[in-house]
Amino acid sequence: MVHGSTLRLLAAVVAFAGAAAGGCSHVVPQVTKYDSATEQHLNDLKPAVLSLYDTFTADPVDAGAVDGVRQKIAQACDYEAGKGDD
């Protein structure tokens, strides 16, 4: 039997790998300069991701919910990529 913390860690690894494979690999290793929009994106993503992870312990995986979070991550990555390296 897989413990909840192990399952959450596995889900985090899968989500990170999905974001990296989905076009964020150029953004993930490097953090750009602070801006309020980036902070807002990250603050908005945190509860969505944590809420999704909580469902992995008891509920079947909801592909639509996973896709929704991945889309939000991709949008944040697109924003970061468009900022450039000022």
PDB file of N, CA and C in Angstrom:
ATOM      1  N   MET A   1       0.837  -1.170   0.000  1.00  0.00           N
ATOM      2  CA  MET A   1       0.000   0.000   0.000  1.00  0.00           C
ATOM      3  C   MET A   1       0.891   1.245   0.000  1.00  0.00           C
ATOM      4  N   VAL A   2       0.541   2.226  -0.795  1.00  0.00           N
ATOM      5  CA  VAL A   2       1.308   3.462  -0.913  1.00  0.00           C
ATOM      6  C   VAL A   2       0.758   4.467   0.088  1.00  0.00           C
ATOM      7  N   HIS A   3       1.645   5.074   0.882  1.00  0.00           N
ATOM      8  CA  HIS A   3       1.231   6.085   1.858  1.00  0.00           C
ATOM      9  C   HIS A   3       0.911   7.389   1.139  1.00  0.00           C
ATOM     10  N   GLY A   4       0.072   8.219   1.771  1.00  0.00           N
ATOM     11  CA  GLY A   4      -0.350   9.482   1.177  1.00  0.00           C
ATOM     12  C   GLY A   4       0.803  10.405   0.832  1.00  0.00           C
ATOM     13  N   SER A   5       1.815  10.479   1.724  1.00  0.00           N
ATOM     14  CA  SER A   5       2.938  11.386   1.463  1.00  0.00           C
ATOM     15  C   SER A   5       3.752  10.910   0.273  1.00  0.00           C
ATOM     16  N   THR A   6       3.889   9.588   0.116  1.00  0.00           N
ATOM     17  CA  THR A   6       4.608   9.046  -1.035  1.00  0.00           C
ATOM     18  C   THR A   6       3.841   9.332  -2.314  1.00  0.00           C
ATOM     19  N   LEU A   7       2.544   9.189  -2.254  1.00  0.00           N
ATOM     20  CA  LEU A   7       1.705   9.452  -3.425  1.00  0.00           C
ATOM     21  C   LEU A   7       1.762  10.927  -3.809  1.00  0.00           C
ATOM     22  N   ARG A   8       1.759  11.814  -2.814  1.00  0.00           N
ATOM     23  CA  ARG A   8       1.848  13.240  -3.111  1.00  0.00           C
ATOM     24  C   ARG A   8       3.185  13.590  -3.732  1.00  0.00           C
ATOM     25  N   LEU A   9       4.263  12.975  -3.224  1.00  0.00           N
ATOM     26  CA  LEU A   9       5.589  13.211  -3.789  1.00  0.00           C
ATOM     27  C   LEU A   9       5.635  12.726  -5.231  1.00  0.00           C
ATOM     28  N   LEU A  10       5.085  11.555  -5.484  1.00  0.00           N
ATOM     29  CA  LEU A  10       5.038  11.028  -6.841  1.00  0.00           C
ATOM     30  C   LEU A  10       4.237  11.953  -7.752  1.00  0.00           C
ATOM     31  N   ALA A  11       3.127  12.463  -7.253  1.00  0.00           N
ATOM     32  CA  ALA A  11       2.305  13.376  -8.052  1.00  0.00           C
ATOM     33  C   ALA A  11       3.067  14.661  -8.352  1.00  0.00           C
ATOM     34  N   ALA A  12       3.826  15.151  -7.382  1.00  0.00           N
ATOM     35  CA  ALA A  12       4.612  16.363  -7.603  1.00  0.00           C
ATOM     36  C   ALA A  12       5.674  16.133  -8.672  1.00  0.00           C
ATOM     37  N   VAL A  13       6.321  14.974  -8.625  1.00  0.00           N
ATOM     38  CA  VAL A  13       7.339  14.651  -9.628  1.00  0.00           C
ATOM     39  C   VAL A  13       6.709  14.549 -11.011  1.00  0.00           C
ATOM     40  N   VAL A  14       5.546  13.908 -11.092  1.00  0.00           N
ATOM     41  CA  VAL A  14       4.855  13.768 -12.378  1.00  0.00           C
ATOM     42  C   VAL A  14       4.440  15.137 -12.909  1.00  0.00           C
ATOM     43  N   ALA A  15       3.921  15.995 -12.041  1.00  0.00           N
ATOM     44  CA  ALA A  15       3.500  17.332 -12.475  1.00  0.00           C
ATOM     45  C   ALA A  15       4.696  18.158 -12.942  1.00  0.00           C
ATOM     46  N   PHE A  16       5.804  18.074 -12.207  1.00  0.00           N
ATOM     47  CA  PHE A  16       7.005  18.816 -12.594  1.00  0.00           C
ATOM     48  C   PHE A  16       7.525  18.300 -13.929  1.00  0.00           C
ATOM     49  N   ALA A  17       7.554  16.990 -14.095  1.00  0.00           N
ATOM     50  CA  ALA A  17       8.023  16.413 -15.359  1.00  0.00           C
ATOM     51  C   ALA A  17       7.092  16.804 -16.503  1.00  0.00           C
ATOM     52  N   GLY A  18       5.805  16.830 -16.229  1.00  0.00           N
ATOM     53  CA  GLY A  18       4.850  17.238 -17.256  1.00  0.00           C
ATOM     54  C   GLY A  18       5.041  18.687 -17.662  1.00  0.00           C
ATOM     55  N   ALA A  19       5.300  19.538 -16.684  1.00  0.00           N
ATOM     56  CA  ALA A  19       5.545  20.953 -16.993  1.00  0.00           C
ATOM     57  C   ALA A  19       6.827  21.109 -17.790  1.00  0.00           C
ATOM     58  N   ALA A  20       7.857  20.366 -17.401  1.00  0.00           N
ATOM     59  CA  ALA A  20       9.137  20.449 -18.118  1.00  0.00           C
ATOM     60  C   ALA A  20       8.992  19.928 -19.541  1.00  0.00           C
ATOM     61  N   ALA A  21       8.273  18.835 -19.689  1.00  0.00           N
ATOM     62  CA  ALA A  21       8.088  18.260 -21.022  1.00  0.00           C
ATOM     63  C   ALA A  21       7.127  19.092 -21.864  1.00  0.00           C
ATOM     64  N   GLY A  22       6.284  19.864 -21.199  1.00  0.00           N
ATOM     65  CA  GLY A  22       5.292  20.661 -21.898  1.00  0.00           C
ATOM     66  C   GLY A  22       5.793  22.018 -22.368  1.00  0.00           C
ATOM     67  N   GLY A  23       7.081  22.242 -22.337  1.00  0.00           N
ATOM     68  CA  GLY A  23       7.616  23.482 -22.865  1.00  0.00           C
ATOM     69  C   GLY A  23       8.152  24.441 -21.828  1.00  0.00           C
ATOM     70  N   CYS A  24       8.164  24.045 -20.569  1.00  0.00           N
ATOM     71  CA  CYS A  24       8.662  24.930 -19.522  1.00  0.00           C
ATOM     72  C   CYS A  24      10.103  24.632 -19.153  1.00  0.00           C
ATOM     73  N   SER A  25      10.747  23.725 -19.836  1.00  0.00           N
ATOM     74  CA  SER A  25      12.098  23.337 -19.440  1.00  0.00           C
ATOM     75  C   SER A  25      13.072  24.498 -19.497  1.00  0.00           C
ATOM     76  N   HIS A  26      12.804  25.472 -20.361  1.00  0.00           N
ATOM     77  CA  HIS A  26      13.681  26.637 -20.421  1.00  0.00           C
ATOM     78  C   HIS A  26      13.424  27.598 -19.265  1.00  0.00           C
ATOM     79  N   VAL A  27      12.315  27.447 -18.560  1.00  0.00           N
ATOM     80  CA  VAL A  27      11.976  28.333 -17.457  1.00  0.00           C
ATOM     81  C   VAL A  27      12.248  27.688 -16.106  1.00  0.00           C
ATOM     82  N   VAL A  28      12.013  26.403 -15.982  1.00  0.00           N
ATOM     83  CA  VAL A  28      12.065  25.727 -14.694  1.00  0.00           C
ATOM     84  C   VAL A  28      13.404  25.878 -13.982  1.00  0.00           C
ATOM     85  N   PRO A  29      14.563  25.671 -14.624  1.00  0.00           N
ATOM     86  CA  PRO A  29      15.804  25.739 -13.870  1.00  0.00           C
ATOM     87  C   PRO A  29      16.206  27.156 -13.464  1.00  0.00           C
ATOM     88  N   GLN A  30      15.650  28.173 -14.077  1.00  0.00           N
ATOM     89  CA  GLN A  30      16.108  29.539 -13.856  1.00  0.00           C
ATOM     90  C   GLN A  30      14.938  30.413 -13.419  1.00  0.00           C
ATOM     91  N   VAL A  31      15.130  31.147 -12.340  1.00  0.00           N
ATOM     92  CA  VAL A  31      14.099  32.062 -11.873  1.00  0.00           C
ATOM     93  C   VAL A  31      14.442  33.452 -12.389  1.00  0.00           C
ATOM     94  N   THR A  32      13.467  34.097 -13.014  1.00  0.00           N
ATOM     95  CA  THR A  32      13.701  35.441 -13.545  1.00  0.00           C
ATOM     96  C   THR A  32      13.500  36.469 -12.441  1.00  0.00           C
ATOM     97  N   LYS A  33      13.744  37.715 -12.769  1.00  0.00           N
ATOM     98  CA  LYS A  33      13.573  38.796 -11.798  1.00  0.00           C
ATOM     99  C   LYS A  33      12.140  38.833 -11.280  1.00  0.00           C
ATOM    100  N   TYR A  34      12.004  39.345 -10.067  1.00  0.00           N
ATOM    101  CA  TYR A  34      10.685  39.463  -9.443  1.00  0.00           C
ATOM    102  C   TYR A  34       9.790  40.408 -10.240  1.00  0.00           C
ATOM    103  N   ASP A  35       8.560  40.023 -10.369  1.00  0.00           N
ATOM    104  CA  ASP A  35       7.513  40.954 -10.772  1.00  0.00           C
ATOM    105  C   ASP A  35       6.201  40.482 -10.152  1.00  0.00           C
ATOM    106  N   SER A  36       5.293  41.395  -9.996  1.00  0.00           N
ATOM    107  CA  SER A  36       4.057  41.084  -9.273  1.00  0.00           C
ATOM    108  C   SER A  36       3.194  40.060 -10.008  1.00  0.00           C
ATOM    109  N   ALA A  37       3.234  40.061 -11.340  1.00  0.00           N
ATOM    110  CA  ALA A  37       2.423  39.089 -12.098  1.00  0.00           C
ATOM    111  C   ALA A  37       2.936  37.673 -11.877  1.00  0.00           C
ATOM    112  N   THR A  38       4.261  37.498 -11.839  1.00  0.00           N
ATOM    113  CA  THR A  38       4.827  36.176 -11.572  1.00  0.00           C
ATOM    114  C   THR A  38       4.416  35.712 -10.184  1.00  0.00           C
ATOM    115  N   GLU A  39       4.530  36.590  -9.209  1.00  0.00           N
ATOM    116  CA  GLU A  39       4.127  36.230  -7.849  1.00  0.00           C
ATOM    117  C   GLU A  39       2.652  35.844  -7.806  1.00  0.00           C
ATOM    118  N   GLN A  40       1.816  36.586  -8.519  1.00  0.00           N
ATOM    119  CA  GLN A  40       0.388  36.283  -8.535  1.00  0.00           C
ATOM    120  C   GLN A  40       0.123  34.920  -9.186  1.00  0.00           C
ATOM    121  N   HIS A  41       0.820  34.633 -10.290  1.00  0.00           N
ATOM    122  CA  HIS A  41       0.653  33.324 -10.940  1.00  0.00           C
ATOM    123  C   HIS A  41       1.000  32.202  -9.979  1.00  0.00           C
ATOM    124  N   LEU A  42       2.125  32.344  -9.283  1.00  0.00           N
ATOM    125  CA  LEU A  42       2.554  31.297  -8.359  1.00  0.00           C
ATOM    126  C   LEU A  42       1.601  31.174  -7.178  1.00  0.00           C
ATOM    127  N   ASN A  43       1.135  32.300  -6.661  1.00  0.00           N
ATOM    128  CA  ASN A  43       0.179  32.264  -5.555  1.00  0.00           C
ATOM    129  C   ASN A  43      -1.147  31.646  -5.971  1.00  0.00           C
ATOM    130  N   ASP A  44      -1.562  31.868  -7.218  1.00  0.00           N
ATOM    131  CA  ASP A  44      -2.796  31.263  -7.722  1.00  0.00           C
ATOM    132  C   ASP A  44      -2.630  29.771  -7.972  1.00  0.00           C
ATOM    133  N   LEU A  45      -1.435  29.366  -8.391  1.00  0.00           N
ATOM    134  CA  LEU A  45      -1.191  27.958  -8.696  1.00  0.00           C
ATOM    135  C   LEU A  45      -1.096  27.090  -7.449  1.00  0.00           C
ATOM    136  N   LYS A  46      -0.533  27.614  -6.393  1.00  0.00           N
ATOM    137  CA  LYS A  46      -0.278  26.806  -5.200  1.00  0.00           C
ATOM    138  C   LYS A  46      -1.535  26.112  -4.675  1.00  0.00           C
ATOM    139  N   PRO A  47      -2.638  26.823  -4.401  1.00  0.00           N
ATOM    140  CA  PRO A  47      -3.819  26.115  -3.887  1.00  0.00           C
ATOM    141  C   PRO A  47      -4.425  25.154  -4.914  1.00  0.00           C
ATOM    142  N   ALA A  48      -4.338  25.503  -6.194  1.00  0.00           N
ATOM    143  CA  ALA A  48      -4.883  24.606  -7.225  1.00  0.00           C
ATOM    144  C   ALA A  48      -4.108  23.291  -7.253  1.00  0.00           C
ATOM    145  N   VAL A  49      -2.786  23.375  -7.161  1.00  0.00           N
ATOM    146  CA  VAL A  49      -1.953  22.173  -7.190  1.00  0.00           C
ATOM    147  C   VAL A  49      -2.152  21.364  -5.908  1.00  0.00           C
ATOM    148  N   LEU A  50      -2.148  22.032  -4.762  1.00  0.00           N
ATOM    149  CA  LEU A  50      -2.340  21.320  -3.497  1.00  0.00           C
ATOM    150  C   LEU A  50      -3.705  20.650  -3.429  1.00  0.00           C
ATOM    151  N   SER A  51      -4.717  21.331  -3.907  1.00  0.00           N
ATOM    152  CA  SER A  51      -6.057  20.748  -3.931  1.00  0.00           C
ATOM    153  C   SER A  51      -6.095  19.513  -4.827  1.00  0.00           C
ATOM    154  N   LEU A  52      -5.441  19.609  -5.976  1.00  0.00           N
ATOM    155  CA  LEU A  52      -5.379  18.466  -6.879  1.00  0.00           C
ATOM    156  C   LEU A  52      -4.644  17.303  -6.222  1.00  0.00           C
ATOM    157  N   TYR A  53      -3.513  17.580  -5.567  1.00  0.00           N
ATOM    158  CA  TYR A  53      -2.739  16.520  -4.902  1.00  0.00           C
ATOM    159  C   TYR A  53      -3.566  15.834  -3.824  1.00  0.00           C
ATOM    160  N   ASP A  54      -4.366  16.587  -3.102  1.00  0.00           N
ATOM    161  CA  ASP A  54      -5.194  16.001  -2.059  1.00  0.00           C
ATOM    162  C   ASP A  54      -6.180  14.982  -2.617  1.00  0.00           C
ATOM    163  N   THR A  55      -6.627  15.183  -3.853  1.00  0.00           N
ATOM    164  CA  THR A  55      -7.578  14.230  -4.435  1.00  0.00           C
ATOM    165  C   THR A  55      -6.902  12.918  -4.812  1.00  0.00           C
ATOM    166  N   PHE A  56      -5.575  12.914  -4.960  1.00  0.00           N
ATOM    167  CA  PHE A  56      -4.876  11.701  -5.377  1.00  0.00           C
ATOM    168  C   PHE A  56      -4.890  10.615  -4.301  1.00  0.00           C
ATOM    169  N   THR A  57      -5.118  10.975  -3.045  1.00  0.00           N
ATOM    170  CA  THR A  57      -5.047   9.987  -1.971  1.00  0.00           C
ATOM    171  C   THR A  57      -6.296   9.121  -1.876  1.00  0.00           C
ATOM    172  N   ALA A  58      -7.441   9.657  -2.235  1.00  0.00           N
ATOM    173  CA  ALA A  58      -8.678   8.895  -2.035  1.00  0.00           C
ATOM    174  C   ALA A  58      -9.515   8.739  -3.296  1.00  0.00           C
ATOM    175  N   ASP A  59      -9.385   9.640  -4.231  1.00  0.00           N
ATOM    176  CA  ASP A  59     -10.248   9.643  -5.416  1.00  0.00           C
ATOM    177  C   ASP A  59      -9.482   9.106  -6.622  1.00  0.00           C
ATOM    178  N   PRO A  60     -10.212   8.603  -7.619  1.00  0.00           N
ATOM    179  CA  PRO A  60      -9.539   8.254  -8.872  1.00  0.00           C
ATOM    180  C   PRO A  60      -8.987   9.520  -9.527  1.00  0.00           C
ATOM    181  N   VAL A  61      -7.947   9.362 -10.301  1.00  0.00           N
ATOM    182  CA  VAL A  61      -7.330  10.515 -10.951  1.00  0.00           C
ATOM    183  C   VAL A  61      -8.311  11.122 -11.940  1.00  0.00           C
ATOM    184  N   ASP A  62      -8.546  12.415 -11.807  1.00  0.00           N
ATOM    185  CA  ASP A  62      -9.438  13.158 -12.690  1.00  0.00           C
ATOM    186  C   ASP A  62      -8.573  13.817 -13.761  1.00  0.00           C
ATOM    187  N   ALA A  63      -8.559  13.237 -14.948  1.00  0.00           N
ATOM    188  CA  ALA A  63      -7.713  13.739 -16.030  1.00  0.00           C
ATOM    189  C   ALA A  63      -8.043  15.188 -16.373  1.00  0.00           C
ATOM    190  N   GLY A  64      -9.294  15.562 -16.283  1.00  0.00           N
ATOM    191  CA  GLY A  64      -9.683  16.939 -16.569  1.00  0.00           C
ATOM    192  C   GLY A  64      -9.080  17.918 -15.572  1.00  0.00           C
ATOM    193  N   ALA A  65      -9.071  17.543 -14.307  1.00  0.00           N
ATOM    194  CA  ALA A  65      -8.479  18.409 -13.284  1.00  0.00           C
ATOM    195  C   ALA A  65      -6.973  18.520 -13.472  1.00  0.00           C
ATOM    196  N   VAL A  66      -6.328  17.406 -13.806  1.00  0.00           N
ATOM    197  CA  VAL A  66      -4.887  17.417 -14.061  1.00  0.00           C
ATOM    198  C   VAL A  66      -4.586  18.316 -15.259  1.00  0.00           C
ATOM    199  N   ASP A  67      -5.355  18.170 -16.324  1.00  0.00           N
ATOM    200  CA  ASP A  67      -5.160  19.008 -17.510  1.00  0.00           C
ATOM    201  C   ASP A  67      -5.382  20.484 -17.195  1.00  0.00           C
ATOM    202  N   GLY A  68      -6.358  20.779 -16.349  1.00  0.00           N
ATOM    203  CA  GLY A  68      -6.623  22.163 -15.980  1.00  0.00           C
ATOM    204  C   GLY A  68      -5.446  22.793 -15.249  1.00  0.00           C
ATOM    205  N   VAL A  69      -4.860  22.049 -14.316  1.00  0.00           N
ATOM    206  CA  VAL A  69      -3.698  22.559 -13.582  1.00  0.00           C
ATOM    207  C   VAL A  69      -2.498  22.671 -14.513  1.00  0.00           C
ATOM    208  N   ARG A  70      -2.315  21.685 -15.367  1.00  0.00           N
ATOM    209  CA  ARG A  70      -1.203  21.750 -16.329  1.00  0.00           C
ATOM    210  C   ARG A  70      -1.352  22.955 -17.253  1.00  0.00           C
ATOM    211  N   GLN A  71      -2.582  23.280 -17.632  1.00  0.00           N
ATOM    212  CA  GLN A  71      -2.810  24.448 -18.494  1.00  0.00           C
ATOM    213  C   GLN A  71      -2.450  25.736 -17.756  1.00  0.00           C
ATOM    214  N   LYS A  72      -2.809  25.835 -16.476  1.00  0.00           N
ATOM    215  CA  LYS A  72      -2.456  27.017 -15.690  1.00  0.00           C
ATOM    216  C   LYS A  72      -0.943  27.136 -15.550  1.00  0.00           C
ATOM    217  N   ILE A  73      -0.265  26.013 -15.352  1.00  0.00           N
ATOM    218  CA  ILE A  73       1.198  26.026 -15.261  1.00  0.00           C
ATOM    219  C   ILE A  73       1.791  26.470 -16.592  1.00  0.00           C
ATOM    220  N   ALA A  74       1.250  25.950 -17.687  1.00  0.00           N
ATOM    221  CA  ALA A  74       1.752  26.320 -19.018  1.00  0.00           C
ATOM    222  C   ALA A  74       1.554  27.816 -19.282  1.00  0.00           C
ATOM    223  N   GLN A  75       0.429  28.368 -18.851  1.00  0.00           N
ATOM    224  CA  GLN A  75       0.189  29.797 -19.033  1.00  0.00           C
ATOM    225  C   GLN A  75       1.206  30.621 -18.245  1.00  0.00           C
ATOM    226  N   ALA A  76       1.503  30.196 -17.022  1.00  0.00           N
ATOM    227  CA  ALA A  76       2.510  30.901 -16.220  1.00  0.00           C
ATOM    228  C   ALA A  76       3.887  30.792 -16.884  1.00  0.00           C
ATOM    229  N   CYS A  77       4.203  29.633 -17.433  1.00  0.00           N
ATOM    230  CA  CYS A  77       5.483  29.441 -18.125  1.00  0.00           C
ATOM    231  C   CYS A  77       5.556  30.304 -19.379  1.00  0.00           C
ATOM    232  N   ASP A  78       4.459  30.396 -20.113  1.00  0.00           N
ATOM    233  CA  ASP A  78       4.427  31.251 -21.304  1.00  0.00           C
ATOM    234  C   ASP A  78       4.672  32.709 -20.931  1.00  0.00           C
ATOM    235  N   TYR A  79       4.068  33.144 -19.836  1.00  0.00           N
ATOM    236  CA  TYR A  79       4.292  34.501 -19.373  1.00  0.00           C
ATOM    237  C   TYR A  79       5.770  34.715 -19.050  1.00  0.00           C
ATOM    238  N   GLU A  80       6.368  33.777 -18.324  1.00  0.00           N
ATOM    239  CA  GLU A  80       7.777  33.876 -17.955  1.00  0.00           C
ATOM    240  C   GLU A  80       8.657  33.911 -19.199  1.00  0.00           C
ATOM    241  N   ALA A  81       8.365  33.056 -20.160  1.00  0.00           N
ATOM    242  CA  ALA A  81       9.163  32.998 -21.391  1.00  0.00           C
ATOM    243  C   ALA A  81       9.067  34.312 -22.167  1.00  0.00           C
ATOM    244  N   GLY A  82       7.920  34.970 -22.098  1.00  0.00           N
ATOM    245  CA  GLY A  82       7.726  36.210 -22.837  1.00  0.00           C
ATOM    246  C   GLY A  82       8.364  37.421 -22.186  1.00  0.00           C
ATOM    247  N   LYS A  83       8.793  37.286 -20.937  1.00  0.00           N
ATOM    248  CA  LYS A  83       9.402  38.422 -20.235  1.00  0.00           C
ATOM    249  C   LYS A  83      10.797  38.744 -20.751  1.00  0.00           C
ATOM    250  N   GLY A  84      11.499  37.756 -21.245  1.00  0.00           N
ATOM    251  CA  GLY A  84      12.857  37.990 -21.710  1.00  0.00           C
ATOM    252  C   GLY A  84      13.855  38.029 -20.569  1.00  0.00           C
ATOM    253  N   ASP A  85      15.074  38.441 -20.861  1.00  0.00           N
ATOM    254  CA  ASP A  85      16.161  38.443 -19.887  1.00  0.00           C
ATOM    255  C   ASP A  85      16.629  39.843 -19.543  1.00  0.00           C
ATOM    256  N   ASP A  86      15.748  40.801 -19.460  1.00  0.00           N
ATOM    257  CA  ASP A  86      16.134  42.199 -19.209  1.00  0.00           C
ATOM    258  C   ASP A  86      17.338  42.284 -18.324  1.00  0.00           C
TER     259      ASP A  86
END
